[in-house]
Amino acid sequence: MAEVLLEVRDLKKYFPVTSGLLLGRVRGWVKAVDGINFTIAPGETLGIVGESGCGKTTTAKLILAQEAVTGGSIEFRGRDVASLRVASLRKGDLMDYRKSVQIVFQDPFSSLSPRMRVGDIIGEPVEVHTNLSKQGVRNRVGEVMELVGLPPDDARLFPHEFSGGQRQRIAIARALSTEAQLIVLDEPVSALDVSIRAHILSLLEELQRTLGVSYLFIGHDLAAVAHISHRIVVMYLGKIVEIAESLELCSNPLHPYTRALFAAALPSHPDDEREDLVISGEVPSALDPPSGCHFHPRCPFVMAECSRDEPQLVEAAPEHWVSCHLY
């Protein structure tokens, strides 16, 4: 069996909906993440795609131990992340985990403090998570700045003195500063100019080849996710509806929702043919999801059993899993 860095098993996150101003009665639960399973191997990039509200960001917060798990488990190198968050604060285990798992946010301008110099922004995690001297911290800052293509002398500058692409390089350097093994990339190129996105994606790929770091890449841009990911997870209303290797998923999407996502995306070439598949309506509320298959109210191929029975993930092709009654 291949080595696993992160394993998510039957992961659930439900948020209570209450009535009343103070200590109101719980009248329902928003099932933001509802029983998902996936793994990430060392040096692998796993992409997650789906419409807004499908559970991508909540999944990332659970992996980052920013939210408590309602059910299921997250294991990082065999250690349960939920137990680290709840019971091991004084032992330093949670700090060790945060050192190994970092994040790069969508907007590099708002995620970098305008009052701090770049050297301090990158060096702060190093000071928190290591015992390096001040000179050692400065050396580490210079190393990671060179890794992301920035001159170490720029450490004295402030974020506003850089372009958007350079600020995102700073954010990546900050994530790398603690020698993280897994980096959550939350829409890391969507706020950048189109001409800059390819440079940042190429940088991430080069860093992965050099350092062996793993990525969880969350995005709406199917082209960017498909380009950088080894495997792609498609989520809809808190559940995984399809998961496969990137090339397989792009060339042979099976679930109607995945097919509709690709049909709505711009083609890589104007002459490329694409499926004319349109889905109507909005994503239903996670407070009261449809019975059976959550996608059935919008699915053009809906059948009687779709509203009655919830489909399970089945291996429709080698290493290609889909949750749909068509298969």
Protein backbone atom coordinates (compact mmCIF):
# COMPACT_ATOMS: atom_id res chain seq x y z
CA MET A 1 0.00 0.00 0.00
CA ALA A 2 1.30 3.47 -0.90
CA GLU A 3 2.35 5.73 1.95
CA VAL A 4 -0.38 8.08 3.19
CA LEU A 5 0.34 11.54 4.57
CA LEU A 6 -3.26 12.57 5.34
CA GLU A 7 -6.30 10.32 5.55
CA VAL A 8 -9.88 11.60 5.88
CA ARG A 9 -12.47 9.00 6.87
CA ASP A 10 -16.25 9.55 7.02
CA LEU A 11 -15.62 13.20 7.91
CA LYS A 12 -18.64 15.21 9.05
CA LYS A 13 -19.17 18.80 10.13
CA TYR A 14 -22.66 19.90 11.17
CA PHE A 15 -23.46 23.44 12.31
CA PRO A 16 -26.49 23.91 14.60
CA VAL A 17 -29.28 26.27 13.61
CA THR A 18 -31.02 27.70 16.68
CA SER A 19 -34.16 29.71 17.34
CA GLY A 20 -34.18 32.48 19.92
CA LEU A 21 -31.57 35.06 20.87
CA LEU A 22 -29.98 33.34 23.87
CA LEU A 23 -29.48 29.58 24.20
CA GLY A 24 -32.19 28.96 21.65
CA ARG A 25 -33.54 25.55 20.74
CA VAL A 26 -31.66 23.72 18.01
CA ARG A 27 -34.13 23.40 15.15
CA GLY A 28 -31.83 21.83 12.60
CA TRP A 29 -28.31 21.18 11.40
CA VAL A 30 -26.42 22.54 8.42
CA LYS A 31 -24.52 19.55 7.04
CA ALA A 32 -21.57 21.41 5.58
CA VAL A 33 -19.48 18.24 5.24
CA ASP A 34 -21.35 14.96 5.34
CA GLY A 35 -19.27 11.78 5.36
CA ILE A 36 -16.38 12.26 2.94
CA ASN A 37 -13.32 10.06 2.43
CA PHE A 38 -10.00 10.73 0.70
CA THR A 39 -6.25 10.44 1.16
CA ILE A 40 -3.23 12.56 0.24
CA ALA A 41 0.14 10.91 -0.34
CA PRO A 42 3.55 12.56 0.20
CA GLY A 43 4.36 14.75 -2.79
CA GLU A 44 0.81 14.56 -4.16
CA THR A 45 -1.61 17.34 -5.08
CA LEU A 46 -5.28 16.64 -4.44
CA GLY A 47 -7.68 19.13 -6.00
CA ILE A 48 -11.18 19.86 -4.69
CA VAL A 49 -13.75 21.53 -6.97
CA GLY A 50 -17.42 22.40 -6.68
CA GLU A 51 -19.82 25.32 -6.51
CA SER A 52 -19.84 27.75 -3.60
CA GLY A 53 -21.42 26.10 -0.58
CA CYS A 54 -20.35 22.56 -1.47
CA GLY A 55 -18.10 22.21 1.61
CA LYS A 56 -14.63 22.85 0.19
CA THR A 57 -13.63 25.58 2.64
CA THR A 58 -15.15 23.77 5.64
CA THR A 59 -13.12 20.70 4.71
CA ALA A 60 -9.98 22.84 4.66
CA LYS A 61 -10.79 24.34 8.08
CA LEU A 62 -11.28 20.88 9.55
CA ILE A 63 -7.92 19.73 8.18
CA LEU A 64 -6.28 22.87 9.56
CA ALA A 65 -7.86 22.13 12.99
CA GLN A 66 -9.70 25.45 12.91
CA GLU A 67 -13.07 23.72 13.37
CA ALA A 68 -14.05 20.83 15.60
CA VAL A 69 -15.03 17.60 13.85
CA THR A 70 -18.65 16.44 14.26
CA GLY A 71 -17.92 12.88 13.17
CA GLY A 72 -15.33 10.77 11.40
CA SER A 73 -11.60 11.30 11.60
CA ILE A 74 -8.62 13.08 10.08
CA GLU A 75 -5.28 11.34 10.48
CA PHE A 76 -1.96 12.99 9.71
CA ARG A 77 0.82 10.41 9.52
CA GLY A 78 -1.36 8.09 11.62
CA ARG A 79 -2.17 10.63 14.34
CA ASP A 80 -5.76 11.80 14.84
CA VAL A 81 -6.03 15.55 14.28
CA ALA A 82 -9.28 15.94 16.26
CA SER A 83 -7.64 14.57 19.41
CA LEU A 84 -4.77 17.05 18.96
CA ARG A 85 -7.22 19.93 18.88
CA VAL A 86 -9.20 18.80 21.92
CA ALA A 87 -6.79 17.14 24.33
CA SER A 88 -3.17 17.92 23.57
CA LEU A 89 -2.90 21.68 23.72
CA ARG A 90 -0.45 21.66 26.64
CA LYS A 91 1.73 18.93 25.16
CA GLY A 92 2.67 20.93 22.09
CA ASP A 93 1.31 18.29 19.70
CA LEU A 94 -1.08 20.76 18.12
CA MET A 95 1.78 23.21 17.57
CA ASP A 96 3.80 20.47 15.89
CA TYR A 97 0.84 19.75 13.63
CA ARG A 98 0.43 23.41 12.70
CA LYS A 99 4.13 23.50 11.86
CA SER A 100 3.61 20.63 9.41
CA VAL A 101 0.35 21.87 7.86
CA GLN A 102 0.19 25.43 6.55
CA ILE A 103 -2.14 27.46 4.30
CA VAL A 104 -1.93 29.95 1.45
CA PHE A 105 -5.01 32.15 1.24
CA GLN A 106 -6.85 33.45 -1.81
CA ASP A 107 -6.07 37.17 -1.47
CA PRO A 108 -2.37 37.83 -0.85
CA PHE A 109 -3.01 41.47 0.02
CA SER A 110 -5.47 40.90 2.87
CA SER A 111 -3.57 37.87 4.23
CA LEU A 112 -0.33 39.86 4.75
CA SER A 113 -0.16 42.46 7.52
CA PRO A 114 0.47 45.91 5.96
CA ARG A 115 2.27 47.01 9.15
CA MET A 116 4.91 44.28 9.07
CA ARG A 117 7.98 44.01 6.90
CA VAL A 118 8.16 40.97 4.67
CA GLY A 119 11.05 39.51 6.66
CA ASP A 120 8.96 39.64 9.84
CA ILE A 121 5.90 38.14 8.10
CA ILE A 122 7.89 35.15 6.85
CA GLY A 123 10.00 34.89 9.98
CA GLU A 124 7.15 34.96 12.52
CA PRO A 125 6.16 31.26 12.04
CA VAL A 126 9.83 30.30 12.25
CA GLU A 127 10.16 32.09 15.59
CA VAL A 128 6.99 30.43 16.92
CA HIS A 129 7.76 26.88 15.79
CA THR A 130 11.56 26.63 16.09
CA ASN A 131 14.35 27.49 18.51
CA LEU A 132 16.50 29.25 15.91
CA SER A 133 18.47 32.35 16.88
CA LYS A 134 17.61 35.71 15.34
CA GLN A 135 20.36 35.19 12.79
CA GLY A 136 19.05 31.70 12.10
CA VAL A 137 15.57 33.10 11.50
CA ARG A 138 16.98 35.70 9.09
CA ASN A 139 18.89 32.98 7.25
CA ARG A 140 15.76 30.87 6.96
CA VAL A 141 13.79 33.85 5.65
CA GLY A 142 16.43 34.42 2.99
CA GLU A 143 16.37 30.74 1.98
CA VAL A 144 12.62 30.57 1.42
CA MET A 145 12.56 33.93 -0.36
CA GLU A 146 15.10 32.59 -2.83
CA LEU A 147 13.02 29.42 -3.20
CA VAL A 148 10.01 31.44 -4.36
CA GLY A 149 12.05 33.69 -6.66
CA LEU A 150 12.40 36.81 -4.51
CA PRO A 151 15.71 38.51 -3.59
CA PRO A 152 16.47 38.18 0.15
CA ASP A 153 17.18 41.91 0.33
CA ASP A 154 13.48 42.55 -0.25
CA ALA A 155 12.80 41.27 3.27
CA ARG A 156 13.05 44.86 4.52
CA LEU A 157 10.14 46.02 2.34
CA PHE A 158 6.41 46.15 3.14
CA PRO A 159 3.72 44.14 1.28
CA HIS A 160 2.30 47.19 -0.53
CA GLU A 161 5.64 47.60 -2.29
CA PHE A 162 5.10 44.35 -4.21
CA SER A 163 2.84 43.31 -7.06
CA GLY A 164 -0.01 40.84 -6.55
CA GLY A 165 2.02 37.93 -7.87
CA GLN A 166 4.98 38.84 -5.67
CA ARG A 167 2.72 39.08 -2.60
CA GLN A 168 1.46 35.58 -3.30
CA ARG A 169 5.06 34.40 -3.51
CA ILE A 170 5.56 35.93 -0.07
CA ALA A 171 2.54 34.02 1.24
CA ILE A 172 3.95 30.80 -0.21
CA ALA A 173 7.33 31.54 1.39
CA ARG A 174 5.62 32.02 4.75
CA ALA A 175 3.91 28.63 4.39
CA LEU A 176 7.22 26.98 3.50
CA SER A 177 9.19 28.63 6.28
CA THR A 178 8.37 25.91 8.84
CA GLU A 179 9.24 23.08 6.41
CA ALA A 180 5.56 22.16 6.12
CA GLN A 181 4.70 18.76 4.68
CA LEU A 182 1.17 19.72 3.58
CA ILE A 183 0.01 23.10 2.32
CA VAL A 184 -3.65 23.95 1.87
CA LEU A 185 -4.00 26.21 -1.17
CA ASP A 186 -7.33 28.02 -0.91
CA GLU A 187 -7.99 29.54 -4.36
CA PRO A 188 -4.32 30.66 -4.52
CA VAL A 189 -4.45 32.13 -8.05
CA SER A 190 -8.05 33.36 -8.42
CA ALA A 191 -7.20 36.89 -7.21
CA LEU A 192 -4.27 37.25 -9.62
CA ASP A 193 -4.08 38.47 -13.20
CA VAL A 194 -4.40 35.73 -15.79
CA SER A 195 -0.84 36.38 -16.98
CA ILE A 196 0.51 35.77 -13.46
CA ARG A 197 -1.45 32.61 -12.64
CA ALA A 198 0.69 30.33 -14.81
CA HIS A 199 3.86 31.59 -13.11
CA ILE A 200 2.49 30.84 -9.63
CA LEU A 201 1.27 27.38 -10.68
CA SER A 202 4.68 26.61 -12.21
CA LEU A 203 6.36 27.79 -8.99
CA LEU A 204 4.15 25.49 -6.90
CA GLU A 205 4.99 22.54 -9.14
CA GLU A 206 8.71 23.27 -8.97
CA LEU A 207 8.59 23.57 -5.17
CA GLN A 208 6.79 20.23 -4.99
CA ARG A 209 9.46 18.55 -7.11
CA THR A 210 12.24 20.12 -5.04
CA LEU A 211 10.83 19.75 -1.53
CA GLY A 212 8.38 16.86 -1.85
CA VAL A 213 5.59 18.91 -0.26
CA SER A 214 1.93 17.87 -0.66
CA TYR A 215 -0.90 20.22 -1.62
CA LEU A 216 -4.64 20.33 -1.05
CA PHE A 217 -5.67 22.64 -3.89
CA ILE A 218 -9.14 24.19 -3.55
CA GLY A 219 -10.48 26.08 -6.53
CA HIS A 220 -13.25 27.07 -8.92
CA ASP A 221 -10.96 27.35 -11.93
CA LEU A 222 -11.15 23.85 -13.42
CA ALA A 223 -8.23 24.50 -15.75
CA ALA A 224 -5.93 25.49 -12.88
CA VAL A 225 -7.06 22.59 -10.68
CA ALA A 226 -6.69 20.08 -13.51
CA HIS A 227 -3.25 21.41 -14.43
CA ILE A 228 -1.66 21.11 -11.01
CA SER A 229 -3.56 18.19 -9.42
CA HIS A 230 -2.69 14.51 -9.53
CA ARG A 231 -6.22 13.58 -8.44
CA ILE A 232 -9.43 15.62 -8.25
CA VAL A 233 -12.35 15.40 -5.83
CA VAL A 234 -15.71 16.81 -6.95
CA MET A 235 -17.96 17.89 -4.06
CA TYR A 236 -21.64 18.74 -4.04
CA LEU A 237 -23.61 19.78 -0.96
CA GLY A 238 -21.14 18.33 1.52
CA LYS A 239 -20.58 15.02 -0.27
CA ILE A 240 -18.07 13.64 -2.75
CA VAL A 241 -19.79 12.79 -6.03
CA GLU A 242 -16.69 11.84 -8.02
CA ILE A 243 -12.97 11.28 -7.52
CA ALA A 244 -10.37 10.22 -10.08
CA GLU A 245 -6.95 10.98 -11.47
CA SER A 246 -6.82 14.39 -13.08
CA LEU A 247 -6.38 13.28 -16.69
CA GLU A 248 -9.05 10.59 -16.33
CA LEU A 249 -11.57 12.98 -14.81
CA CYS A 250 -10.99 15.66 -17.44
CA SER A 251 -11.22 13.25 -20.37
CA ASN A 252 -14.03 11.10 -19.00
CA PRO A 253 -16.22 12.87 -16.42
CA LEU A 254 -19.01 10.52 -15.34
CA HIS A 255 -21.26 12.26 -12.83
CA PRO A 256 -23.79 14.65 -14.43
CA TYR A 257 -22.68 17.39 -12.05
CA THR A 258 -19.01 16.99 -13.05
CA ARG A 259 -20.00 16.95 -16.73
CA ALA A 260 -21.97 20.17 -16.24
CA LEU A 261 -19.00 21.85 -14.53
CA PHE A 262 -16.74 21.02 -17.47
CA ALA A 263 -19.43 22.06 -19.96
CA ALA A 264 -19.69 25.46 -18.27
CA ALA A 265 -15.91 26.03 -18.25
CA LEU A 266 -14.18 27.86 -21.08
CA PRO A 267 -12.51 25.45 -23.52
CA SER A 268 -8.72 25.46 -23.78
CA HIS A 269 -9.06 26.08 -27.53
CA PRO A 270 -11.94 27.81 -29.40
CA ASP A 271 -12.29 24.86 -31.79
CA ASP A 272 -12.56 22.25 -29.02
CA GLU A 273 -15.93 20.53 -28.83
CA ARG A 274 -17.61 20.32 -25.44
CA GLU A 275 -20.75 18.75 -24.11
CA ASP A 276 -23.88 20.91 -24.19
CA LEU A 277 -25.07 20.07 -20.68
CA VAL A 278 -26.72 22.76 -18.59
CA ILE A 279 -28.02 22.43 -15.03
CA SER A 280 -30.66 24.82 -13.73
CA GLY A 281 -31.41 26.22 -10.33
CA GLU A 282 -29.25 26.88 -7.29
CA VAL A 283 -27.49 24.59 -4.84
CA PRO A 284 -30.15 23.47 -2.29
CA SER A 285 -29.83 24.44 1.34
CA ALA A 286 -27.55 22.25 3.42
CA LEU A 287 -30.06 22.74 6.24
CA ASP A 288 -32.68 20.73 4.35
CA PRO A 289 -30.92 18.78 1.57
CA PRO A 290 -32.99 16.78 -0.94
CA SER A 291 -33.63 13.13 -0.17
CA GLY A 292 -31.80 10.41 -2.04
CA CYS A 293 -29.19 11.89 -4.35
CA HIS A 294 -28.74 15.54 -3.36
CA PHE A 295 -28.24 16.48 -7.02
CA HIS A 296 -31.48 14.95 -8.33
CA PRO A 297 -33.59 18.19 -8.39
CA ARG A 298 -31.11 19.68 -10.90
CA CYS A 299 -30.04 16.54 -12.77
CA PRO A 300 -31.07 16.20 -16.45
CA PHE A 301 -30.85 12.40 -16.14
CA VAL A 302 -32.97 12.01 -13.00
CA MET A 303 -34.67 8.64 -12.43
CA ALA A 304 -37.23 7.45 -9.90
CA GLU A 305 -34.67 5.96 -7.53
CA CYS A 306 -32.65 9.17 -7.45
CA SER A 307 -35.10 10.87 -5.09
CA ARG A 308 -35.50 7.74 -2.99
CA ASP A 309 -32.09 6.10 -2.55
CA GLU A 310 -28.76 7.75 -1.82
CA PRO A 311 -26.10 6.49 -4.27
CA GLN A 312 -22.80 5.18 -2.94
CA LEU A 313 -19.35 5.77 -4.37
CA VAL A 314 -18.58 2.91 -6.75
CA GLU A 315 -15.50 2.24 -8.87
CA ALA A 316 -16.95 2.75 -12.37
CA ALA A 317 -13.47 2.57 -13.96
CA PRO A 318 -10.00 1.78 -12.56
CA GLU A 319 -9.32 4.31 -9.76
CA HIS A 320 -12.35 6.32 -10.93
CA TRP A 321 -15.09 6.52 -8.31
CA VAL A 322 -18.52 8.05 -8.84
CA SER A 323 -21.68 8.40 -6.74
CA CYS A 324 -24.56 8.12 -9.23
CA HIS A 325 -27.38 5.67 -9.96
CA LEU A 326 -26.40 5.75 -13.65
CA TYR A 327 -23.42 3.58 -12.68
